[in-house]
Amino acid sequence: MGDLHLVRHGPTEWSRSGRHTSETDLPLLPEGEEAARALRPRLADLAPALVLTSPRQRARRTAELAGFPDAVVDPDLVEWGYGAYEGYTTEEIRRHDAGWTIWSHPVPGGEAETEVGVRLDRVIDRAIRADGDLLVFGHGHALRALAVRWLGLPVRAGHYLALDTATVSTLSYERESPVLLRWNA
């Protein structure tokens, strides 16, 4: 089994302002495109057996600019469905739902933690079946959830992992145990 490399997309207007962005298909900011291009040399030595991307343009464009224009679109890599909270910041949500976090509270009209876990477990299954490394381009909360599922933890444990835009993280194995090899680099 190979490593699972995670790349969060470059900055968008909403990621910069802290707005929850799932279904809203925003483009990268010009700085986001620059950050995506800057990933190219960092990923150049990888020879992944499979490259997957979320269907959202911010992830697809990051993959393209990072040197992987033929990444396969995988709907399981979409961001956590924020439902009624789409487009709102955490501070705005907490005005009527005190203490809310994606990790600890339900999302009205959005995805449940268990639903997120099921679809990200499918990505892990693809990684395990890949003949070599797997490279995925995706989103902040979903990639954090993917990492903790790799480690055998519940989705809600993703709250322990901060993840910036245009970063590379690597999940691997130490002997037969799944490990977090590199995070938010």
C-alpha atoms as a PDB file:
ATOM      1  CA  MET A   1       0.000   0.000   0.000  1.00  0.00           C
ATOM      2  CA  GLY A   2       1.160   3.480  -0.793  1.00  0.00           C
ATOM      3  CA  ASP A   3       0.752   6.814   0.858  1.00  0.00           C
ATOM      4  CA  LEU A   4      -2.350   8.985   0.673  1.00  0.00           C
ATOM      5  CA  HIS A   5      -1.401  12.595  -0.139  1.00  0.00           C
ATOM      6  CA  LEU A   6      -3.999  15.280   0.603  1.00  0.00           C
ATOM      7  CA  VAL A   7      -3.975  18.729  -0.997  1.00  0.00           C
ATOM      8  CA  ARG A   8      -6.396  21.412   0.101  1.00  0.00           C
ATOM      9  CA  HIS A   9      -7.406  23.797  -2.663  1.00  0.00           C
ATOM     10  CA  GLY A  10      -6.006  27.318  -2.914  1.00  0.00           C
ATOM     11  CA  PRO A  11      -7.772  30.295  -1.334  1.00  0.00           C
ATOM     12  CA  THR A  12     -11.197  31.494  -2.484  1.00  0.00           C
ATOM     13  CA  GLU A  13     -13.105  34.573  -1.408  1.00  0.00           C
ATOM     14  CA  TRP A  14     -15.119  32.540   1.099  1.00  0.00           C
ATOM     15  CA  SER A  15     -12.225  30.488   2.484  1.00  0.00           C
ATOM     16  CA  ARG A  16     -10.394  33.736   3.127  1.00  0.00           C
ATOM     17  CA  SER A  17     -13.395  35.233   4.973  1.00  0.00           C
ATOM     18  CA  GLY A  18     -14.217  32.042   6.908  1.00  0.00           C
ATOM     19  CA  ARG A  19     -17.524  31.354   5.159  1.00  0.00           C
ATOM     20  CA  HIS A  20     -18.573  27.722   5.032  1.00  0.00           C
ATOM     21  CA  THR A  21     -18.356  26.664   1.388  1.00  0.00           C
ATOM     22  CA  SER A  22     -19.603  23.332   0.167  1.00  0.00           C
ATOM     23  CA  GLU A  23     -21.972  23.426  -2.785  1.00  0.00           C
ATOM     24  CA  THR A  24     -21.264  27.026  -3.765  1.00  0.00           C
ATOM     25  CA  ASP A  25     -18.777  26.557  -6.591  1.00  0.00           C
ATOM     26  CA  LEU A  26     -16.407  29.475  -6.143  1.00  0.00           C
ATOM     27  CA  PRO A  27     -13.266  30.026  -8.234  1.00  0.00           C
ATOM     28  CA  LEU A  28      -9.821  30.447  -6.775  1.00  0.00           C
ATOM     29  CA  LEU A  29      -8.724  33.996  -6.064  1.00  0.00           C
ATOM     30  CA  PRO A  30      -5.741  35.178  -8.157  1.00  0.00           C
ATOM     31  CA  GLU A  31      -3.623  34.496  -5.054  1.00  0.00           C
ATOM     32  CA  GLY A  32      -5.249  31.068  -4.901  1.00  0.00           C
ATOM     33  CA  GLU A  33      -4.101  30.309  -8.426  1.00  0.00           C
ATOM     34  CA  GLU A  34      -0.602  31.468  -7.512  1.00  0.00           C
ATOM     35  CA  ALA A  35      -0.630  29.249  -4.412  1.00  0.00           C
ATOM     36  CA  ALA A  36      -1.813  26.297  -6.510  1.00  0.00           C
ATOM     37  CA  ARG A  37       1.032  26.835  -8.987  1.00  0.00           C
ATOM     38  CA  ALA A  38       3.465  26.941  -6.063  1.00  0.00           C
ATOM     39  CA  LEU A  39       2.396  23.385  -5.197  1.00  0.00           C
ATOM     40  CA  ARG A  40       3.775  22.072  -8.499  1.00  0.00           C
ATOM     41  CA  PRO A  41       7.449  21.765  -7.457  1.00  0.00           C
ATOM     42  CA  ARG A  42       6.432  20.323  -4.082  1.00  0.00           C
ATOM     43  CA  LEU A  43       4.431  17.571  -5.807  1.00  0.00           C
ATOM     44  CA  ALA A  44       6.777  17.040  -8.773  1.00  0.00           C
ATOM     45  CA  ASP A  45       8.537  14.025  -7.259  1.00  0.00           C
ATOM     46  CA  LEU A  46       5.277  12.168  -6.672  1.00  0.00           C
ATOM     47  CA  ALA A  47       4.276   9.455  -9.103  1.00  0.00           C
ATOM     48  CA  PRO A  48       0.801   8.619  -7.832  1.00  0.00           C
ATOM     49  CA  ALA A  49      -0.999   5.555  -9.125  1.00  0.00           C
ATOM     50  CA  LEU A  50      -4.230   7.550  -8.982  1.00  0.00           C
ATOM     51  CA  VAL A  51      -5.085  11.247  -8.692  1.00  0.00           C
ATOM     52  CA  LEU A  52      -8.576  12.225  -7.538  1.00  0.00           C
ATOM     53  CA  THR A  53     -10.238  15.594  -7.138  1.00  0.00           C
ATOM     54  CA  SER A  54     -13.451  16.971  -5.761  1.00  0.00           C
ATOM     55  CA  PRO A  55     -15.817  18.088  -8.529  1.00  0.00           C
ATOM     56  CA  ARG A  56     -15.760  21.691  -7.246  1.00  0.00           C
ATOM     57  CA  GLN A  57     -13.832  24.074  -9.500  1.00  0.00           C
ATOM     58  CA  ARG A  58     -11.588  25.298  -6.678  1.00  0.00           C
ATOM     59  CA  ALA A  59     -10.215  21.774  -6.192  1.00  0.00           C
ATOM     60  CA  ARG A  60     -10.118  20.887  -9.902  1.00  0.00           C
ATOM     61  CA  ARG A  61      -8.273  24.118 -10.741  1.00  0.00           C
ATOM     62  CA  THR A  62      -5.793  23.535  -7.909  1.00  0.00           C
ATOM     63  CA  ALA A  63      -5.084  20.056  -9.300  1.00  0.00           C
ATOM     64  CA  GLU A  64      -4.608  21.460 -12.785  1.00  0.00           C
ATOM     65  CA  LEU A  65      -2.272  24.263 -11.720  1.00  0.00           C
ATOM     66  CA  ALA A  66      -0.326  21.904  -9.445  1.00  0.00           C
ATOM     67  CA  GLY A  67       0.467  19.733 -12.467  1.00  0.00           C
ATOM     68  CA  PHE A  68      -2.340  17.164 -12.421  1.00  0.00           C
ATOM     69  CA  PRO A  69      -4.823  18.291 -15.111  1.00  0.00           C
ATOM     70  CA  ASP A  70      -6.114  14.742 -15.639  1.00  0.00           C
ATOM     71  CA  ALA A  71      -7.205  14.181 -12.051  1.00  0.00           C
ATOM     72  CA  VAL A  72     -10.288  11.978 -11.877  1.00  0.00           C
ATOM     73  CA  VAL A  73     -13.350  13.686 -10.419  1.00  0.00           C
ATOM     74  CA  ASP A  74     -14.624  11.845  -7.357  1.00  0.00           C
ATOM     75  CA  PRO A  75     -17.890  13.117  -5.825  1.00  0.00           C
ATOM     76  CA  ASP A  76     -16.910  11.516  -2.497  1.00  0.00           C
ATOM     77  CA  LEU A  77     -14.321  14.310  -2.089  1.00  0.00           C
ATOM     78  CA  VAL A  78     -16.826  17.189  -1.927  1.00  0.00           C
ATOM     79  CA  GLU A  79     -16.775  19.362   1.161  1.00  0.00           C
ATOM     80  CA  TRP A  80     -18.998  18.559   4.126  1.00  0.00           C
ATOM     81  CA  GLY A  81     -22.554  19.586   3.152  1.00  0.00           C
ATOM     82  CA  TYR A  82     -23.292  22.711   5.212  1.00  0.00           C
ATOM     83  CA  GLY A  83     -26.993  22.890   4.345  1.00  0.00           C
ATOM     84  CA  ALA A  84     -28.632  25.990   5.836  1.00  0.00           C
ATOM     85  CA  TYR A  85     -25.219  27.183   7.078  1.00  0.00           C
ATOM     86  CA  GLU A  86     -23.722  27.447   3.582  1.00  0.00           C
ATOM     87  CA  GLY A  87     -22.112  30.858   3.152  1.00  0.00           C
ATOM     88  CA  TYR A  88     -22.136  31.757   6.832  1.00  0.00           C
ATOM     89  CA  THR A  89     -19.173  32.137   9.175  1.00  0.00           C
ATOM     90  CA  THR A  90     -19.011  30.252  12.463  1.00  0.00           C
ATOM     91  CA  GLU A  91     -19.551  33.530  14.346  1.00  0.00           C
ATOM     92  CA  GLU A  92     -22.752  34.224  12.362  1.00  0.00           C
ATOM     93  CA  ILE A  93     -24.057  30.701  12.995  1.00  0.00           C
ATOM     94  CA  ARG A  94     -23.339  30.973  16.725  1.00  0.00           C
ATOM     95  CA  ARG A  95     -25.625  34.008  17.025  1.00  0.00           C
ATOM     96  CA  HIS A  96     -28.554  31.573  16.917  1.00  0.00           C
ATOM     97  CA  ASP A  97     -26.814  28.237  17.629  1.00  0.00           C
ATOM     98  CA  ALA A  98     -24.504  28.895  20.602  1.00  0.00           C
ATOM     99  CA  GLY A  99     -21.282  26.905  20.663  1.00  0.00           C
ATOM    100  CA  TRP A 100     -21.843  25.447  17.203  1.00  0.00           C
ATOM    101  CA  THR A 101     -19.038  23.689  15.370  1.00  0.00           C
ATOM    102  CA  ILE A 102     -19.236  21.378  12.382  1.00  0.00           C
ATOM    103  CA  TRP A 103     -17.610  18.730  14.573  1.00  0.00           C
ATOM    104  CA  SER A 104     -20.065  18.808  17.462  1.00  0.00           C
ATOM    105  CA  HIS A 105     -23.476  19.992  16.262  1.00  0.00           C
ATOM    106  CA  PRO A 106     -25.915  18.982  13.541  1.00  0.00           C
ATOM    107  CA  VAL A 107     -26.217  21.015  10.351  1.00  0.00           C
ATOM    108  CA  PRO A 108     -29.835  21.851   9.415  1.00  0.00           C
ATOM    109  CA  GLY A 109     -30.432  20.504   5.918  1.00  0.00           C
ATOM    110  CA  GLY A 110     -26.786  19.431   5.663  1.00  0.00           C
ATOM    111  CA  GLU A 111     -24.745  16.300   5.965  1.00  0.00           C
ATOM    112  CA  ALA A 112     -24.513  14.263   9.144  1.00  0.00           C
ATOM    113  CA  GLU A 113     -21.160  13.172  10.530  1.00  0.00           C
ATOM    114  CA  THR A 114     -21.976   9.549   9.693  1.00  0.00           C
ATOM    115  CA  GLU A 115     -22.707  10.420   6.051  1.00  0.00           C
ATOM    116  CA  VAL A 116     -19.393  12.237   5.731  1.00  0.00           C
ATOM    117  CA  GLY A 117     -17.587   9.263   7.266  1.00  0.00           C
ATOM    118  CA  VAL A 118     -19.189   6.755   4.887  1.00  0.00           C
ATOM    119  CA  ARG A 119     -18.173   8.607   1.743  1.00  0.00           C
ATOM    120  CA  LEU A 120     -14.642   9.342   2.962  1.00  0.00           C
ATOM    121  CA  ASP A 121     -14.218   5.684   3.940  1.00  0.00           C
ATOM    122  CA  ARG A 122     -14.863   4.930   0.247  1.00  0.00           C
ATOM    123  CA  VAL A 123     -11.926   7.200  -0.653  1.00  0.00           C
ATOM    124  CA  ILE A 124      -9.771   5.302   1.838  1.00  0.00           C
ATOM    125  CA  ASP A 125     -10.859   2.022   0.250  1.00  0.00           C
ATOM    126  CA  ARG A 126      -9.730   3.362  -3.126  1.00  0.00           C
ATOM    127  CA  ALA A 127      -6.392   4.358  -1.599  1.00  0.00           C
ATOM    128  CA  ILE A 128      -5.900   0.888  -0.145  1.00  0.00           C
ATOM    129  CA  ARG A 129      -6.713  -0.726  -3.512  1.00  0.00           C
ATOM    130  CA  ALA A 130      -4.467   1.642  -5.500  1.00  0.00           C
ATOM    131  CA  ASP A 131      -1.218   0.116  -6.684  1.00  0.00           C
ATOM    132  CA  GLY A 132       0.931   2.876  -5.214  1.00  0.00           C
ATOM    133  CA  ASP A 133       0.343   6.351  -3.849  1.00  0.00           C
ATOM    134  CA  LEU A 134      -2.977   8.171  -4.101  1.00  0.00           C
ATOM    135  CA  LEU A 135      -3.130  11.970  -4.448  1.00  0.00           C
ATOM    136  CA  VAL A 136      -6.376  13.789  -3.675  1.00  0.00           C
ATOM    137  CA  PHE A 137      -7.397  17.425  -4.058  1.00  0.00           C
ATOM    138  CA  GLY A 138     -10.195  18.548  -1.796  1.00  0.00           C
ATOM    139  CA  HIS A 139     -11.519  20.779   0.961  1.00  0.00           C
ATOM    140  CA  GLY A 140     -10.719  21.697   4.553  1.00  0.00           C
ATOM    141  CA  HIS A 141     -13.303  19.913   6.677  1.00  0.00           C
ATOM    142  CA  ALA A 142     -13.597  16.893   4.375  1.00  0.00           C
ATOM    143  CA  LEU A 143      -9.822  16.351   4.272  1.00  0.00           C
ATOM    144  CA  ARG A 144      -9.575  16.700   8.042  1.00  0.00           C
ATOM    145  CA  ALA A 145     -12.333  14.101   8.359  1.00  0.00           C
ATOM    146  CA  LEU A 146     -10.558  11.875   5.820  1.00  0.00           C
ATOM    147  CA  ALA A 147      -7.360  12.012   7.875  1.00  0.00           C
ATOM    148  CA  VAL A 148      -9.016  10.952  11.115  1.00  0.00           C
ATOM    149  CA  ARG A 149     -10.942   8.187   9.365  1.00  0.00           C
ATOM    150  CA  TRP A 150      -7.579   6.945   7.990  1.00  0.00           C
ATOM    151  CA  LEU A 151      -6.398   6.775  11.606  1.00  0.00           C
ATOM    152  CA  GLY A 152      -9.525   4.823  12.609  1.00  0.00           C
ATOM    153  CA  LEU A 153     -11.000   7.719  14.578  1.00  0.00           C
ATOM    154  CA  PRO A 154     -14.521   9.169  14.390  1.00  0.00           C
ATOM    155  CA  VAL A 155     -15.110  12.087  12.025  1.00  0.00           C
ATOM    156  CA  ARG A 156     -15.580  14.472  14.960  1.00  0.00           C
ATOM    157  CA  ALA A 157     -11.902  13.990  15.879  1.00  0.00           C
ATOM    158  CA  GLY A 158     -11.110  16.161  12.845  1.00  0.00           C
ATOM    159  CA  HIS A 159     -11.496  19.179  15.111  1.00  0.00           C
ATOM    160  CA  TYR A 160      -7.959  18.469  16.357  1.00  0.00           C
ATOM    161  CA  LEU A 161      -6.452  19.088  12.902  1.00  0.00           C
ATOM    162  CA  ALA A 162      -6.172  22.591  11.477  1.00  0.00           C
ATOM    163  CA  LEU A 163      -5.738  22.678   7.693  1.00  0.00           C
ATOM    164  CA  ASP A 164      -4.745  25.727   5.682  1.00  0.00           C
ATOM    165  CA  THR A 165      -5.429  26.319   2.008  1.00  0.00           C
ATOM    166  CA  ALA A 166      -2.861  25.166  -0.572  1.00  0.00           C
ATOM    167  CA  THR A 167      -1.174  22.733   1.811  1.00  0.00           C
ATOM    168  CA  VAL A 168       0.035  19.166   1.415  1.00  0.00           C
ATOM    169  CA  SER A 169      -0.477  16.442   4.006  1.00  0.00           C
ATOM    170  CA  THR A 170       0.530  12.800   3.871  1.00  0.00           C
ATOM    171  CA  LEU A 171      -1.098   9.783   5.461  1.00  0.00           C
ATOM    172  CA  SER A 172       0.990   6.638   5.548  1.00  0.00           C
ATOM    173  CA  TYR A 173       1.767   3.485   7.487  1.00  0.00           C
ATOM    174  CA  GLU A 174       4.316   2.619  10.117  1.00  0.00           C
ATOM    175  CA  ARG A 175       4.549  -1.112   9.785  1.00  0.00           C
ATOM    176  CA  GLU A 176       0.870  -2.005   9.473  1.00  0.00           C
ATOM    177  CA  SER A 177      -0.489   0.920  11.503  1.00  0.00           C
ATOM    178  CA  PRO A 178      -1.987   3.963   9.757  1.00  0.00           C
ATOM    179  CA  VAL A 179      -0.152   7.163  10.711  1.00  0.00           C
ATOM    180  CA  LEU A 180      -0.183  10.874  10.045  1.00  0.00           C
ATOM    181  CA  LEU A 181       3.200  11.320   8.386  1.00  0.00           C
ATOM    182  CA  ARG A 182       3.000  15.027   7.477  1.00  0.00           C
ATOM    183  CA  TRP A 183       0.289  17.581   8.145  1.00  0.00           C
ATOM    184  CA  ASN A 184      -0.543  21.059   6.871  1.00  0.00           C
ATOM    185  CA  ALA A 185       2.834  21.471   5.147  1.00  0.00           C
END
